[in-house]
């Protein structure tokens, strides 16, 4: 199994449980690993046989920038489900960093892993 990755993908979103978090968008940083069999893509050198990470980023941006979540866990799970909807994807690891979450820390966040045909 091979993995492509996206690092440091930034999206402003409504996320959090506090009233000020529900009113103002804040930055989130996504690190994403997408595992799949690249054999056919390697042989064909065609976008049809691979994961189009540009398309996936657009889907994530469109969804996250318009969404509102209380918990970062719920958002991470939803993004994982969106990526796994691409049937070529076998496993995805999503890390979401929330840099403004804690006053005395660089960031807080979550990292989840999901597989095709698995609830969690």
Protein backbone atom coordinates (compact mmCIF):
# COMPACT_ATOMS: atom_id res chain seq x y z
CA UNK A 1 0.00 0.00 0.00
CA UNK A 2 1.31 3.43 -0.94
CA UNK A 3 0.49 6.81 0.57
CA UNK A 4 0.14 10.30 -0.79
CA UNK A 5 0.00 13.14 1.66
CA UNK A 6 -1.09 16.73 2.05
CA UNK A 7 0.61 18.81 4.75
CA UNK A 8 -0.37 22.16 6.18
CA UNK A 9 -3.64 22.63 4.29
CA UNK A 10 -5.27 25.68 5.91
CA UNK A 11 -8.99 26.35 6.14
CA UNK A 12 -10.83 28.88 8.29
CA UNK A 13 -13.88 27.33 9.95
CA UNK A 14 -16.43 27.61 12.71
CA UNK A 15 -15.31 25.03 15.28
CA UNK A 16 -15.65 24.85 19.03
CA UNK A 17 -17.97 24.79 22.00
CA UNK A 18 -17.52 28.34 23.30
CA UNK A 19 -19.70 31.24 22.16
CA UNK A 20 -16.79 33.20 20.66
CA UNK A 21 -15.79 30.10 18.63
CA UNK A 22 -19.31 29.80 17.24
CA UNK A 23 -19.26 33.39 15.97
CA UNK A 24 -15.84 33.72 14.38
CA UNK A 25 -14.01 31.46 11.99
CA UNK A 26 -10.60 30.31 13.14
CA UNK A 27 -7.75 28.64 11.31
CA UNK A 28 -7.48 24.88 11.10
CA UNK A 29 -4.50 23.08 9.62
CA UNK A 30 -5.03 19.70 7.97
CA UNK A 31 -2.41 17.00 7.48
CA UNK A 32 -3.79 14.13 5.44
CA UNK A 33 -2.39 10.74 4.45
CA UNK A 34 -4.27 8.74 1.83
CA UNK A 35 -3.31 5.10 1.29
CA UNK A 36 -4.17 3.14 -1.84
CA UNK A 37 -2.66 0.79 -4.42
CA UNK A 38 -0.78 2.95 -6.91
CA UNK A 39 0.15 0.12 -9.27
CA UNK A 40 -2.32 1.03 -12.00
CA UNK A 41 -1.43 4.74 -11.80
CA UNK A 42 2.28 3.91 -12.04
CA UNK A 43 1.68 1.81 -15.14
CA UNK A 44 -0.70 4.19 -16.90
CA UNK A 45 0.65 7.58 -15.76
CA UNK A 46 -2.98 8.75 -15.87
CA UNK A 47 -4.97 10.80 -13.36
CA UNK A 48 -7.88 8.38 -13.90
CA UNK A 49 -6.03 5.72 -11.91
CA UNK A 50 -4.95 7.73 -8.92
CA UNK A 51 -6.27 9.93 -6.13
CA UNK A 52 -6.75 13.47 -7.39
CA UNK A 53 -5.58 15.34 -4.30
CA UNK A 54 -6.48 18.69 -5.85
CA UNK A 55 -10.10 17.52 -6.17
CA UNK A 56 -10.07 16.15 -2.61
CA UNK A 57 -8.72 19.43 -1.24
CA UNK A 58 -11.45 21.35 -3.07
CA UNK A 59 -14.12 19.04 -1.61
CA UNK A 60 -12.72 19.42 1.90
CA UNK A 61 -12.41 23.21 1.57
CA UNK A 62 -15.96 23.61 0.25
CA UNK A 63 -17.36 21.50 3.07
CA UNK A 64 -15.27 22.72 6.01
CA UNK A 65 -15.45 26.43 5.16
CA UNK A 66 -19.26 26.22 5.15
CA UNK A 67 -19.71 23.87 8.12
CA UNK A 68 -20.04 24.35 11.85
CA UNK A 69 -18.91 21.75 14.38
CA UNK A 70 -18.65 21.70 18.15
CA UNK A 71 -15.96 19.04 18.24
CA UNK A 72 -12.83 18.64 16.17
CA UNK A 73 -13.33 14.86 16.48
CA UNK A 74 -16.62 15.04 14.58
CA UNK A 75 -15.09 17.19 11.86
CA UNK A 76 -12.10 14.86 11.44
CA UNK A 77 -14.41 11.86 11.13
CA UNK A 78 -16.57 13.61 8.51
CA UNK A 79 -13.52 14.56 6.44
CA UNK A 80 -12.26 10.96 6.65
CA UNK A 81 -15.66 9.71 5.41
CA UNK A 82 -15.55 12.15 2.50
CA UNK A 83 -12.13 10.90 1.42
CA UNK A 84 -13.11 7.24 1.84
CA UNK A 85 -16.05 7.87 -0.49
CA UNK A 86 -13.40 7.73 -3.22
CA UNK A 87 -13.42 3.97 -3.64
CA UNK A 88 -9.76 3.76 -4.65
CA UNK A 89 -8.82 4.93 -1.12
CA UNK A 90 -8.17 2.09 1.33
CA UNK A 91 -7.16 4.07 4.42
CA UNK A 92 -6.92 7.68 5.49
CA UNK A 93 -5.20 9.41 8.38
CA UNK A 94 -6.46 12.88 9.21
CA UNK A 95 -4.71 15.26 11.57
CA UNK A 96 -6.41 18.57 12.31
CA UNK A 97 -4.53 21.22 14.23
CA UNK A 98 -6.30 24.10 15.96
CA UNK A 99 -3.53 26.66 16.57
CA UNK A 100 -5.64 29.11 18.58
CA UNK A 101 -7.17 26.52 20.91
CA UNK A 102 -4.92 27.04 23.93
CA UNK A 103 -3.30 30.20 25.17
CA UNK A 104 0.04 28.68 26.17
CA UNK A 105 0.43 26.04 23.46
CA UNK A 106 1.39 26.18 19.81
CA UNK A 107 -1.57 24.03 18.86
CA UNK A 108 -4.05 21.38 19.91
CA UNK A 109 -5.67 18.86 17.65
CA UNK A 110 -6.63 15.34 16.78
CA UNK A 111 -5.30 12.56 14.60
CA UNK A 112 -7.61 9.78 13.44
CA UNK A 113 -7.23 6.80 11.11
CA UNK A 114 -10.08 5.23 9.18
CA UNK A 115 -10.23 2.30 6.78
CA UNK A 116 -12.57 1.47 3.93
CA UNK A 117 -15.66 -0.46 5.12
CA UNK A 118 -15.02 0.30 8.78
CA UNK A 119 -17.05 2.48 11.10
CA UNK A 120 -13.97 3.41 13.19
